[in-house]
Amino acid sequence: MTKQNQNETVTGPLAEGQRWSAARKREVVLRLLRGESVDALSRELSIEIYRLEQWREKALAGIDESLKKRQNDPVQTELNQAMRRIGELTMENELLWERVRKPGPLAKRGSSK
């Protein structure tokens, strides 16, 4: 399947065995948001109304979620740094425990007589 031009309007149902790509779904949702009738689109594209409504709801939820995210959020930056440090300390701890369990100079020894 070739990549669609962003200004191209999706028309007609999919061919046998073809799947709805994210780009095609986006174009359909944009048509719905521009005010095209869900009934007319359903007939034109041979897709159920409930599915078109699901796509629209998912798209709107995605928009809402992306607008909630803050760029350069200092709390998130600090949390990310703390999580990285926890990962580093966990790795160091695991490596030290491995060394203690192996026979050698740092290994636990019983009392010597």
PDB file of N, CA and C in Angstrom:
ATOM      1  N   MET A   1       0.846  -1.167   0.000  1.00  0.00           N
ATOM      2  CA  MET A   1       0.000   0.000   0.000  1.00  0.00           C
ATOM      3  C   MET A   1       0.896   1.236   0.000  1.00  0.00           C
ATOM      4  N   THR A   2       0.573   2.208  -0.806  1.00  0.00           N
ATOM      5  CA  THR A   2       1.383   3.425  -0.881  1.00  0.00           C
ATOM      6  C   THR A   2       0.950   4.404   0.186  1.00  0.00           C
ATOM      7  N   LYS A   3       1.869   5.284   0.569  1.00  0.00           N
ATOM      8  CA  LYS A   3       1.577   6.292   1.582  1.00  0.00           C
ATOM      9  C   LYS A   3       0.641   7.341   0.990  1.00  0.00           C
ATOM     10  N   GLN A   4      -0.391   7.706   1.771  1.00  0.00           N
ATOM     11  CA  GLN A   4      -1.365   8.673   1.298  1.00  0.00           C
ATOM     12  C   GLN A   4      -0.880  10.097   1.501  1.00  0.00           C
ATOM     13  N   ASN A   5      -1.267  10.957   0.579  1.00  0.00           N
ATOM     14  CA  ASN A   5      -1.044  12.383   0.728  1.00  0.00           C
ATOM     15  C   ASN A   5      -1.924  12.865   1.870  1.00  0.00           C
ATOM     16  N   GLN A   6      -1.411  13.732   2.756  1.00  0.00           N
ATOM     17  CA  GLN A   6      -2.173  14.168   3.919  1.00  0.00           C
ATOM     18  C   GLN A   6      -3.441  14.925   3.540  1.00  0.00           C
ATOM     19  N   ASN A   7      -3.477  15.545   2.379  1.00  0.00           N
ATOM     20  CA  ASN A   7      -4.656  16.290   1.959  1.00  0.00           C
ATOM     21  C   ASN A   7      -5.652  15.413   1.215  1.00  0.00           C
ATOM     22  N   GLU A   8      -5.303  14.176   0.948  1.00  0.00           N
ATOM     23  CA  GLU A   8      -6.158  13.266   0.216  1.00  0.00           C
ATOM     24  C   GLU A   8      -7.285  12.786   1.121  1.00  0.00           C
ATOM     25  N   THR A   9      -8.489  12.720   0.596  1.00  0.00           N
ATOM     26  CA  THR A   9      -9.636  12.266   1.351  1.00  0.00           C
ATOM     27  C   THR A   9      -9.840  10.781   1.114  1.00  0.00           C
ATOM     28  N   VAL A  10     -10.110  10.058   2.183  1.00  0.00           N
ATOM     29  CA  VAL A  10     -10.358   8.621   2.088  1.00  0.00           C
ATOM     30  C   VAL A  10     -11.746   8.422   1.501  1.00  0.00           C
ATOM     31  N   THR A  11     -11.824   7.633   0.447  1.00  0.00           N
ATOM     32  CA  THR A  11     -13.121   7.319  -0.144  1.00  0.00           C
ATOM     33  C   THR A  11     -13.166   5.839  -0.457  1.00  0.00           C
ATOM     34  N   GLY A  12     -14.343   5.279  -0.320  1.00  0.00           N
ATOM     35  CA  GLY A  12     -14.562   3.891  -0.686  1.00  0.00           C
ATOM     36  C   GLY A  12     -14.084   2.905   0.362  1.00  0.00           C
ATOM     37  N   PRO A  13     -14.674   1.719   0.330  1.00  0.00           N
ATOM     38  CA  PRO A  13     -14.290   0.672   1.275  1.00  0.00           C
ATOM     39  C   PRO A  13     -12.915   0.108   0.947  1.00  0.00           C
ATOM     40  N   LEU A  14     -12.373  -0.639   1.874  1.00  0.00           N
ATOM     41  CA  LEU A  14     -11.086  -1.295   1.660  1.00  0.00           C
ATOM     42  C   LEU A  14     -11.248  -2.471   0.709  1.00  0.00           C
ATOM     43  N   ALA A  15     -10.170  -2.805   0.039  1.00  0.00           N
ATOM     44  CA  ALA A  15     -10.165  -3.985  -0.817  1.00  0.00           C
ATOM     45  C   ALA A  15     -10.149  -5.230   0.066  1.00  0.00           C
ATOM     46  N   GLU A  16     -10.480  -6.346  -0.498  1.00  0.00           N
ATOM     47  CA  GLU A  16     -10.486  -7.625   0.220  1.00  0.00           C
ATOM     48  C   GLU A  16      -9.128  -7.873   0.869  1.00  0.00           C
ATOM     49  N   GLY A  17      -9.117  -8.168   2.160  1.00  0.00           N
ATOM     50  CA  GLY A  17      -7.883  -8.476   2.880  1.00  0.00           C
ATOM     51  C   GLY A  17      -7.086  -7.264   3.316  1.00  0.00           C
ATOM     52  N   GLN A  18      -7.514  -6.082   2.947  1.00  0.00           N
ATOM     53  CA  GLN A  18      -6.795  -4.858   3.320  1.00  0.00           C
ATOM     54  C   GLN A  18      -7.207  -4.448   4.728  1.00  0.00           C
ATOM     55  N   ARG A  19      -6.268  -3.834   5.466  1.00  0.00           N
ATOM     56  CA  ARG A  19      -6.540  -3.399   6.842  1.00  0.00           C
ATOM     57  C   ARG A  19      -6.580  -1.880   6.916  1.00  0.00           C
ATOM     58  N   TRP A  20      -7.254  -1.376   7.955  1.00  0.00           N
ATOM     59  CA  TRP A  20      -7.323   0.064   8.169  1.00  0.00           C
ATOM     60  C   TRP A  20      -6.036   0.523   8.853  1.00  0.00           C
ATOM     61  N   SER A  21      -5.271   1.337   8.165  1.00  0.00           N
ATOM     62  CA  SER A  21      -4.047   1.888   8.762  1.00  0.00           C
ATOM     63  C   SER A  21      -4.424   3.048   9.678  1.00  0.00           C
ATOM     64  N   ALA A  22      -3.497   3.414  10.538  1.00  0.00           N
ATOM     65  CA  ALA A  22      -3.733   4.555  11.430  1.00  0.00           C
ATOM     66  C   ALA A  22      -3.967   5.825  10.613  1.00  0.00           C
ATOM     67  N   ALA A  23      -3.232   5.987   9.525  1.00  0.00           N
ATOM     68  CA  ALA A  23      -3.381   7.184   8.690  1.00  0.00           C
ATOM     69  C   ALA A  23      -4.775   7.252   8.067  1.00  0.00           C
ATOM     70  N   ARG A  24      -5.258   6.118   7.610  1.00  0.00           N
ATOM     71  CA  ARG A  24      -6.601   6.089   7.012  1.00  0.00           C
ATOM     72  C   ARG A  24      -7.668   6.360   8.062  1.00  0.00           C
ATOM     73  N   LYS A  25      -7.502   5.758   9.247  1.00  0.00           N
ATOM     74  CA  LYS A  25      -8.456   6.011  10.325  1.00  0.00           C
ATOM     75  C   LYS A  25      -8.458   7.482  10.707  1.00  0.00           C
ATOM     76  N   ARG A  26      -7.248   8.078  10.748  1.00  0.00           N
ATOM     77  CA  ARG A  26      -7.149   9.501  11.084  1.00  0.00           C
ATOM     78  C   ARG A  26      -7.933  10.336  10.088  1.00  0.00           C
ATOM     79  N   GLU A  27      -7.805  10.021   8.813  1.00  0.00           N
ATOM     80  CA  GLU A  27      -8.526  10.781   7.783  1.00  0.00           C
ATOM     81  C   GLU A  27     -10.039  10.650   7.958  1.00  0.00           C
ATOM     82  N   VAL A  28     -10.494   9.452   8.293  1.00  0.00           N
ATOM     83  CA  VAL A  28     -11.925   9.233   8.511  1.00  0.00           C
ATOM     84  C   VAL A  28     -12.391  10.044   9.724  1.00  0.00           C
ATOM     85  N   VAL A  29     -11.625   9.988  10.812  1.00  0.00           N
ATOM     86  CA  VAL A  29     -11.986  10.738  12.029  1.00  0.00           C
ATOM     87  C   VAL A  29     -12.005  12.235  11.739  1.00  0.00           C
ATOM     88  N   LEU A  30     -11.048  12.724  10.988  1.00  0.00           N
ATOM     89  CA  LEU A  30     -11.040  14.148  10.641  1.00  0.00           C
ATOM     90  C   LEU A  30     -12.288  14.527   9.844  1.00  0.00           C
ATOM     91  N   ARG A  31     -12.705  13.649   8.976  1.00  0.00           N
ATOM     92  CA  ARG A  31     -13.940  13.914   8.225  1.00  0.00           C
ATOM     93  C   ARG A  31     -15.134  13.997   9.173  1.00  0.00           C
ATOM     94  N   LEU A  32     -15.158  13.099  10.168  1.00  0.00           N
ATOM     95  CA  LEU A  32     -16.245  13.148  11.150  1.00  0.00           C
ATOM     96  C   LEU A  32     -16.197  14.454  11.940  1.00  0.00           C
ATOM     97  N   LEU A  33     -15.000  14.859  12.342  1.00  0.00           N
ATOM     98  CA  LEU A  33     -14.852  16.084  13.123  1.00  0.00           C
ATOM     99  C   LEU A  33     -15.190  17.325  12.304  1.00  0.00           C
ATOM    100  N   ARG A  34     -15.034  17.235  10.996  1.00  0.00           N
ATOM    101  CA  ARG A  34     -15.403  18.367  10.129  1.00  0.00           C
ATOM    102  C   ARG A  34     -16.907  18.446   9.905  1.00  0.00           C
ATOM    103  N   GLY A  35     -17.636  17.432  10.414  1.00  0.00           N
ATOM    104  CA  GLY A  35     -19.087  17.502  10.345  1.00  0.00           C
ATOM    105  C   GLY A  35     -19.740  16.559   9.354  1.00  0.00           C
ATOM    106  N   GLU A  36     -18.969  15.700   8.703  1.00  0.00           N
ATOM    107  CA  GLU A  36     -19.602  14.750   7.783  1.00  0.00           C
ATOM    108  C   GLU A  36     -20.467  13.778   8.577  1.00  0.00           C
ATOM    109  N   SER A  37     -21.524  13.338   7.986  1.00  0.00           N
ATOM    110  CA  SER A  37     -22.476  12.444   8.634  1.00  0.00           C
ATOM    111  C   SER A  37     -21.854  11.065   8.855  1.00  0.00           C
ATOM    112  N   VAL A  38     -22.017  10.552  10.072  1.00  0.00           N
ATOM    113  CA  VAL A  38     -21.509   9.223  10.380  1.00  0.00           C
ATOM    114  C   VAL A  38     -22.253   8.174   9.544  1.00  0.00           C
ATOM    115  N   ASP A  39     -23.528   8.408   9.283  1.00  0.00           N
ATOM    116  CA  ASP A  39     -24.301   7.472   8.459  1.00  0.00           C
ATOM    117  C   ASP A  39     -23.766   7.424   7.035  1.00  0.00           C
ATOM    118  N   ALA A  40     -23.514   8.611   6.470  1.00  0.00           N
ATOM    119  CA  ALA A  40     -23.009   8.672   5.093  1.00  0.00           C
ATOM    120  C   ALA A  40     -21.629   8.026   4.992  1.00  0.00           C
ATOM    121  N   LEU A  41     -20.757   8.310   5.963  1.00  0.00           N
ATOM    122  CA  LEU A  41     -19.427   7.695   5.953  1.00  0.00           C
ATOM    123  C   LEU A  41     -19.517   6.185   6.108  1.00  0.00           C
ATOM    124  N   SER A  42     -20.414   5.741   6.953  1.00  0.00           N
ATOM    125  CA  SER A  42     -20.601   4.312   7.161  1.00  0.00           C
ATOM    126  C   SER A  42     -20.975   3.627   5.852  1.00  0.00           C
ATOM    127  N   ARG A  43     -21.894   4.215   5.128  1.00  0.00           N
ATOM    128  CA  ARG A  43     -22.296   3.638   3.834  1.00  0.00           C
ATOM    129  C   ARG A  43     -21.161   3.712   2.817  1.00  0.00           C
ATOM    130  N   GLU A  44     -20.512   4.873   2.742  1.00  0.00           N
ATOM    131  CA  GLU A  44     -19.439   5.071   1.752  1.00  0.00           C
ATOM    132  C   GLU A  44     -18.277   4.107   1.964  1.00  0.00           C
ATOM    133  N   LEU A  45     -17.910   3.907   3.226  1.00  0.00           N
ATOM    134  CA  LEU A  45     -16.723   3.112   3.536  1.00  0.00           C
ATOM    135  C   LEU A  45     -17.034   1.660   3.884  1.00  0.00           C
ATOM    136  N   SER A  46     -18.314   1.327   3.939  1.00  0.00           N
ATOM    137  CA  SER A  46     -18.749  -0.030   4.314  1.00  0.00           C
ATOM    138  C   SER A  46     -18.176  -0.442   5.665  1.00  0.00           C
ATOM    139  N   ILE A  47     -18.339   0.446   6.626  1.00  0.00           N
ATOM    140  CA  ILE A  47     -17.873   0.159   7.979  1.00  0.00           C
ATOM    141  C   ILE A  47     -18.977   0.521   8.959  1.00  0.00           C
ATOM    142  N   GLU A  48     -19.080  -0.242  10.029  1.00  0.00           N
ATOM    143  CA  GLU A  48     -20.162  -0.070  10.986  1.00  0.00           C
ATOM    144  C   GLU A  48     -20.079   1.289  11.683  1.00  0.00           C
ATOM    145  N   ILE A  49     -21.244   1.841  11.996  1.00  0.00           N
ATOM    146  CA  ILE A  49     -21.322   3.143  12.664  1.00  0.00           C
ATOM    147  C   ILE A  49     -20.628   3.089  14.021  1.00  0.00           C
ATOM    148  N   TYR A  50     -20.847   2.006  14.762  1.00  0.00           N
ATOM    149  CA  TYR A  50     -20.250   1.927  16.102  1.00  0.00           C
ATOM    150  C   TYR A  50     -18.724   1.983  16.012  1.00  0.00           C
ATOM    151  N   ARG A  51     -18.145   1.402  14.962  1.00  0.00           N
ATOM    152  CA  ARG A  51     -16.694   1.409  14.818  1.00  0.00           C
ATOM    153  C   ARG A  51     -16.196   2.829  14.515  1.00  0.00           C
ATOM    154  N   LEU A  52     -16.899   3.533  13.658  1.00  0.00           N
ATOM    155  CA  LEU A  52     -16.529   4.927  13.365  1.00  0.00           C
ATOM    156  C   LEU A  52     -16.596   5.774  14.636  1.00  0.00           C
ATOM    157  N   GLU A  53     -17.621   5.545  15.448  1.00  0.00           N
ATOM    158  CA  GLU A  53     -17.748   6.293  16.693  1.00  0.00           C
ATOM    159  C   GLU A  53     -16.640   5.931  17.674  1.00  0.00           C
ATOM    160  N   GLN A  54     -16.223   4.671  17.696  1.00  0.00           N
ATOM    161  CA  GLN A  54     -15.102   4.253  18.551  1.00  0.00           C
ATOM    162  C   GLN A  54     -13.828   4.977  18.130  1.00  0.00           C
ATOM    163  N   TRP A  55     -13.579   5.035  16.827  1.00  0.00           N
ATOM    164  CA  TRP A  55     -12.373   5.715  16.333  1.00  0.00           C
ATOM    165  C   TRP A  55     -12.389   7.180  16.744  1.00  0.00           C
ATOM    166  N   ARG A  56     -13.548   7.815  16.606  1.00  0.00           N
ATOM    167  CA  ARG A  56     -13.657   9.234  16.974  1.00  0.00           C
ATOM    168  C   ARG A  56     -13.390   9.419  18.464  1.00  0.00           C
ATOM    169  N   GLU A  57     -13.979   8.568  19.305  1.00  0.00           N
ATOM    170  CA  GLU A  57     -13.781   8.672  20.749  1.00  0.00           C
ATOM    171  C   GLU A  57     -12.316   8.436  21.135  1.00  0.00           C
ATOM    172  N   LYS A  58     -11.672   7.455  20.516  1.00  0.00           N
ATOM    173  CA  LYS A  58     -10.254   7.186  20.796  1.00  0.00           C
ATOM    174  C   LYS A  58      -9.393   8.376  20.377  1.00  0.00           C
ATOM    175  N   ALA A  59      -9.721   8.959  19.238  1.00  0.00           N
ATOM    176  CA  ALA A  59      -8.951  10.109  18.758  1.00  0.00           C
ATOM    177  C   ALA A  59      -9.094  11.291  19.712  1.00  0.00           C
ATOM    178  N   LEU A  60     -10.309  11.540  20.155  1.00  0.00           N
ATOM    179  CA  LEU A  60     -10.531  12.651  21.086  1.00  0.00           C
ATOM    180  C   LEU A  60      -9.848  12.394  22.424  1.00  0.00           C
ATOM    181  N   ALA A  61      -9.861  11.147  22.881  1.00  0.00           N
ATOM    182  CA  ALA A  61      -9.175  10.807  24.131  1.00  0.00           C
ATOM    183  C   ALA A  61      -7.670  11.017  23.972  1.00  0.00           C
ATOM    184  N   GLY A  62      -7.139  10.659  22.819  1.00  0.00           N
ATOM    185  CA  GLY A  62      -5.708  10.856  22.558  1.00  0.00           C
ATOM    186  C   GLY A  62      -5.336  12.329  22.533  1.00  0.00           C
ATOM    187  N   ILE A  63      -6.199  13.137  21.963  1.00  0.00           N
ATOM    188  CA  ILE A  63      -5.957  14.580  21.925  1.00  0.00           C
ATOM    189  C   ILE A  63      -5.944  15.128  23.353  1.00  0.00           C
ATOM    190  N   ASP A  64      -6.951  14.728  24.139  1.00  0.00           N
ATOM    191  CA  ASP A  64      -7.028  15.198  25.527  1.00  0.00           C
ATOM    192  C   ASP A  64      -5.772  14.814  26.297  1.00  0.00           C
ATOM    193  N   GLU A  65      -5.351  13.564  26.153  1.00  0.00           N
ATOM    194  CA  GLU A  65      -4.178  13.076  26.883  1.00  0.00           C
ATOM    195  C   GLU A  65      -2.914  13.833  26.470  1.00  0.00           C
ATOM    196  N   SER A  66      -2.756  14.063  25.185  1.00  0.00           N
ATOM    197  CA  SER A  66      -1.545  14.762  24.734  1.00  0.00           C
ATOM    198  C   SER A  66      -1.526  16.222  25.193  1.00  0.00           C
ATOM    199  N   LEU A  67      -2.689  16.826  25.342  1.00  0.00           N
ATOM    200  CA  LEU A  67      -2.746  18.212  25.807  1.00  0.00           C
ATOM    201  C   LEU A  67      -2.494  18.325  27.307  1.00  0.00           C
ATOM    202  N   LYS A  68      -2.687  17.238  28.042  1.00  0.00           N
ATOM    203  CA  LYS A  68      -2.432  17.243  29.482  1.00  0.00           C
ATOM    204  C   LYS A  68      -0.943  17.179  29.789  1.00  0.00           C
ATOM    205  N   LYS A  69      -0.176  16.582  28.898  1.00  0.00           N
ATOM    206  CA  LYS A  69       1.253  16.397  29.150  1.00  0.00           C
ATOM    207  C   LYS A  69       1.965  17.735  29.130  1.00  0.00           C
ATOM    208  N   ARG A  70       2.869  17.901  30.076  1.00  0.00           N
ATOM    209  CA  ARG A  70       3.651  19.133  30.158  1.00  0.00           C
ATOM    210  C   ARG A  70       5.055  18.844  29.667  1.00  0.00           C
ATOM    211  N   GLN A  71       5.553  19.729  28.847  1.00  0.00           N
ATOM    212  CA  GLN A  71       6.934  19.590  28.407  1.00  0.00           C
ATOM    213  C   GLN A  71       7.840  20.153  29.492  1.00  0.00           C
ATOM    214  N   ASN A  72       8.976  19.506  29.672  1.00  0.00           N
ATOM    215  CA  ASN A  72       9.972  19.939  30.643  1.00  0.00           C
ATOM    216  C   ASN A  72       9.383  20.086  32.046  1.00  0.00           C
ATOM    217  N   ASP A  73       8.549  19.141  32.438  1.00  0.00           N
ATOM    218  CA  ASP A  73       7.955  19.130  33.767  1.00  0.00           C
ATOM    219  C   ASP A  73       9.058  18.814  34.775  1.00  0.00           C
ATOM    220  N   PRO A  74       9.372  19.743  35.693  1.00  0.00           N
ATOM    221  CA  PRO A  74      10.477  19.523  36.626  1.00  0.00           C
ATOM    222  C   PRO A  74      10.242  18.326  37.549  1.00  0.00           C
ATOM    223  N   VAL A  75       9.002  18.062  37.918  1.00  0.00           N
ATOM    224  CA  VAL A  75       8.708  16.925  38.785  1.00  0.00           C
ATOM    225  C   VAL A  75       8.993  15.620  38.034  1.00  0.00           C
ATOM    226  N   GLN A  76       8.563  15.552  36.775  1.00  0.00           N
ATOM    227  CA  GLN A  76       8.807  14.352  35.977  1.00  0.00           C
ATOM    228  C   GLN A  76      10.306  14.164  35.732  1.00  0.00           C
ATOM    229  N   THR A  77      11.028  15.243  35.496  1.00  0.00           N
ATOM    230  CA  THR A  77      12.471  15.170  35.294  1.00  0.00           C
ATOM    231  C   THR A  77      13.153  14.618  36.537  1.00  0.00           C
ATOM    232  N   GLU A  78      12.760  15.116  37.695  1.00  0.00           N
ATOM    233  CA  GLU A  78      13.342  14.641  38.950  1.00  0.00           C
ATOM    234  C   GLU A  78      12.997  13.172  39.186  1.00  0.00           C
ATOM    235  N   LEU A  79      11.768  12.793  38.896  1.00  0.00           N
ATOM    236  CA  LEU A  79      11.351  11.398  39.043  1.00  0.00           C
ATOM    237  C   LEU A  79      12.160  10.492  38.116  1.00  0.00           C
ATOM    238  N   ASN A  80      12.353  10.913  36.877  1.00  0.00           N
ATOM    239  CA  ASN A  80      13.152  10.125  35.925  1.00  0.00           C
ATOM    240  C   ASN A  80      14.581   9.939  36.426  1.00  0.00           C
ATOM    241  N   GLN A  81      15.179  10.996  36.964  1.00  0.00           N
ATOM    242  CA  GLN A  81      16.538  10.902  37.497  1.00  0.00           C
ATOM    243  C   GLN A  81      16.587   9.951  38.693  1.00  0.00           C
ATOM    244  N   ALA A  82      15.586  10.036  39.561  1.00  0.00           N
ATOM    245  CA  ALA A  82      15.539   9.153  40.733  1.00  0.00           C
ATOM    246  C   ALA A  82      15.388   7.700  40.298  1.00  0.00           C
ATOM    247  N   MET A  83      14.546   7.444  39.302  1.00  0.00           N
ATOM    248  CA  MET A  83      14.360   6.075  38.817  1.00  0.00           C
ATOM    249  C   MET A  83      15.654   5.531  38.206  1.00  0.00           C
ATOM    250  N   ARG A  84      16.369   6.369  37.478  1.00  0.00           N
ATOM    251  CA  ARG A  84      17.665   5.945  36.915  1.00  0.00           C
ATOM    252  C   ARG A  84      18.640   5.589  38.033  1.00  0.00           C
ATOM    253  N   ARG A  85      18.688   6.432  39.066  1.00  0.00           N
ATOM    254  CA  ARG A  85      19.604   6.190  40.183  1.00  0.00           C
ATOM    255  C   ARG A  85      19.222   4.912  40.934  1.00  0.00           C
ATOM    256  N   ILE A  86      17.939   4.682  41.119  1.00  0.00           N
ATOM    257  CA  ILE A  86      17.491   3.444  41.762  1.00  0.00           C
ATOM    258  C   ILE A  86      17.943   2.240  40.943  1.00  0.00           C
ATOM    259  N   GLY A  87      17.829   2.332  39.641  1.00  0.00           N
ATOM    260  CA  GLY A  87      18.284   1.252  38.769  1.00  0.00           C
ATOM    261  C   GLY A  87      19.776   1.000  38.914  1.00  0.00           C
ATOM    262  N   GLU A  88      20.558   2.083  38.963  1.00  0.00           N
ATOM    263  CA  GLU A  88      22.016   1.949  39.120  1.00  0.00           C
ATOM    264  C   GLU A  88      22.354   1.300  40.465  1.00  0.00           C
ATOM    265  N   LEU A  89      21.712   1.750  41.543  1.00  0.00           N
ATOM    266  CA  LEU A  89      21.977   1.195  42.868  1.00  0.00           C
ATOM    267  C   LEU A  89      21.557  -0.268  42.967  1.00  0.00           C
ATOM    268  N   THR A  90      20.451  -0.600  42.339  1.00  0.00           N
ATOM    269  CA  THR A  90      19.994  -1.988  42.336  1.00  0.00           C
ATOM    270  C   THR A  90      21.013  -2.879  41.635  1.00  0.00           C
ATOM    271  N   MET A  91      21.526  -2.416  40.502  1.00  0.00           N
ATOM    272  CA  MET A  91      22.525  -3.175  39.755  1.00  0.00           C
ATOM    273  C   MET A  91      23.798  -3.339  40.589  1.00  0.00           C
ATOM    274  N   GLU A  92      24.258  -2.271  41.220  1.00  0.00           N
ATOM    275  CA  GLU A  92      25.457  -2.357  42.061  1.00  0.00           C
ATOM    276  C   GLU A  92      25.245  -3.338  43.208  1.00  0.00           C
ATOM    277  N   ASN A  93      24.081  -3.285  43.827  1.00  0.00           N
ATOM    278  CA  ASN A  93      23.753  -4.178  44.929  1.00  0.00           C
ATOM    279  C   ASN A  93      23.781  -5.642  44.469  1.00  0.00           C
ATOM    280  N   GLU A  94      23.177  -5.917  43.315  1.00  0.00           N
ATOM    281  CA  GLU A  94      23.171  -7.281  42.788  1.00  0.00           C
ATOM    282  C   GLU A  94      24.585  -7.767  42.493  1.00  0.00           C
ATOM    283  N   LEU A  95      25.414  -6.898  41.920  1.00  0.00           N
ATOM    284  CA  LEU A  95      26.790  -7.285  41.611  1.00  0.00           C
ATOM    285  C   LEU A  95      27.582  -7.564  42.883  1.00  0.00           C
ATOM    286  N   LEU A  96      27.388  -6.743  43.912  1.00  0.00           N
ATOM    287  CA  LEU A  96      28.081  -6.973  45.174  1.00  0.00           C
ATOM    288  C   LEU A  96      27.645  -8.285  45.816  1.00  0.00           C
ATOM    289  N   TRP A  97      26.354  -8.591  45.782  1.00  0.00           N
ATOM    290  CA  TRP A  97      25.881  -9.858  46.342  1.00  0.00           C
ATOM    291  C   TRP A  97      26.473 -11.041  45.584  1.00  0.00           C
ATOM    292  N   GLU A  98      26.613 -10.923  44.274  1.00  0.00           N
ATOM    293  CA  GLU A  98      27.249 -11.994  43.489  1.00  0.00           C
ATOM    294  C   GLU A  98      28.678 -12.221  43.945  1.00  0.00           C
ATOM    295  N   ARG A  99      29.412 -11.150  44.169  1.00  0.00           N
ATOM    296  CA  ARG A  99      30.808 -11.264  44.611  1.00  0.00           C
ATOM    297  C   ARG A  99      30.900 -11.901  45.991  1.00  0.00           C
ATOM    298  N   VAL A 100      29.979 -11.566  46.884  1.00  0.00           N
ATOM    299  CA  VAL A 100      30.007 -12.110  48.245  1.00  0.00           C
ATOM    300  C   VAL A 100      29.714 -13.617  48.222  1.00  0.00           C
ATOM    301  N   ARG A 101      28.849 -14.052  47.333  1.00  0.00           N
ATOM    302  CA  ARG A 101      28.469 -15.463  47.278  1.00  0.00           C
ATOM    303  C   ARG A 101      29.552 -16.346  46.654  1.00  0.00           C
ATOM    304  N   LYS A 102      30.416 -15.779  45.833  1.00  0.00           N
ATOM    305  CA  LYS A 102      31.476 -16.567  45.170  1.00  0.00           C
ATOM    306  C   LYS A 102      32.631 -16.808  46.136  1.00  0.00           C
ATOM    307  N   PRO A 103      33.276 -17.960  45.998  1.00  0.00           N
ATOM    308  CA  PRO A 103      34.471 -18.184  46.822  1.00  0.00           C
ATOM    309  C   PRO A 103      35.553 -17.189  46.416  1.00  0.00           C
ATOM    310  N   GLY A 104      36.271 -16.720  47.374  1.00  0.00           N
ATOM    311  CA  GLY A 104      37.326 -15.755  47.100  1.00  0.00           C
ATOM    312  C   GLY A 104      37.531 -14.860  48.297  1.00  0.00           C
ATOM    313  N   PRO A 105      38.267 -13.774  48.111  1.00  0.00           N
ATOM    314  CA  PRO A 105      38.619 -12.924  49.242  1.00  0.00           C
ATOM    315  C   PRO A 105      37.410 -12.289  49.944  1.00  0.00           C
ATOM    316  N   LEU A 106      36.307 -12.026  49.232  1.00  0.00           N
ATOM    317  CA  LEU A 106      35.142 -11.401  49.869  1.00  0.00           C
ATOM    318  C   LEU A 106      34.087 -12.410  50.276  1.00  0.00           C
ATOM    319  N   ALA A 107      34.338 -13.703  50.031  1.00  0.00           N
ATOM    320  CA  ALA A 107      33.346 -14.718  50.327  1.00  0.00           C
ATOM    321  C   ALA A 107      33.176 -14.897  51.814  1.00  0.00           C
ATOM    322  N   LYS A 108      31.975 -15.278  52.244  1.00  0.00           N
ATOM    323  CA  LYS A 108      31.716 -15.565  53.659  1.00  0.00           C
ATOM    324  C   LYS A 108      32.462 -16.847  54.012  1.00  0.00           C
ATOM    325  N   ARG A 109      33.132 -16.853  55.129  1.00  0.00           N
ATOM    326  CA  ARG A 109      33.870 -18.041  55.549  1.00  0.00           C
ATOM    327  C   ARG A 109      33.435 -18.462  56.931  1.00  0.00           C
ATOM    328  N   GLY A 110      33.512 -19.750  57.175  1.00  0.00           N
ATOM    329  CA  GLY A 110      33.225 -20.255  58.510  1.00  0.00           C
ATOM    330  C   GLY A 110      34.383 -19.904  59.436  1.00  0.00           C
ATOM    331  N   SER A 111      34.224 -20.159  60.698  1.00  0.00           N
ATOM    332  CA  SER A 111      35.300 -19.846  61.636  1.00  0.00           C
ATOM    333  C   SER A 111      36.483 -20.773  61.383  1.00  0.00           C
ATOM    334  N   SER A 112      37.670 -20.240  61.396  1.00  0.00           N
ATOM    335  CA  SER A 112      38.866 -21.058  61.156  1.00  0.00           C
ATOM    336  C   SER A 112      39.469 -21.484  62.482  1.00  0.00           C
ATOM    337  N   LYS A 113      40.018 -22.697  62.517  1.00  0.00           N
ATOM    338  CA  LYS A 113      40.601 -23.232  63.762  1.00  0.00           C
ATOM    339  C   LYS A 113      42.059 -23.351  63.636  1.00  0.00           C
TER     340      LYS A 113
END
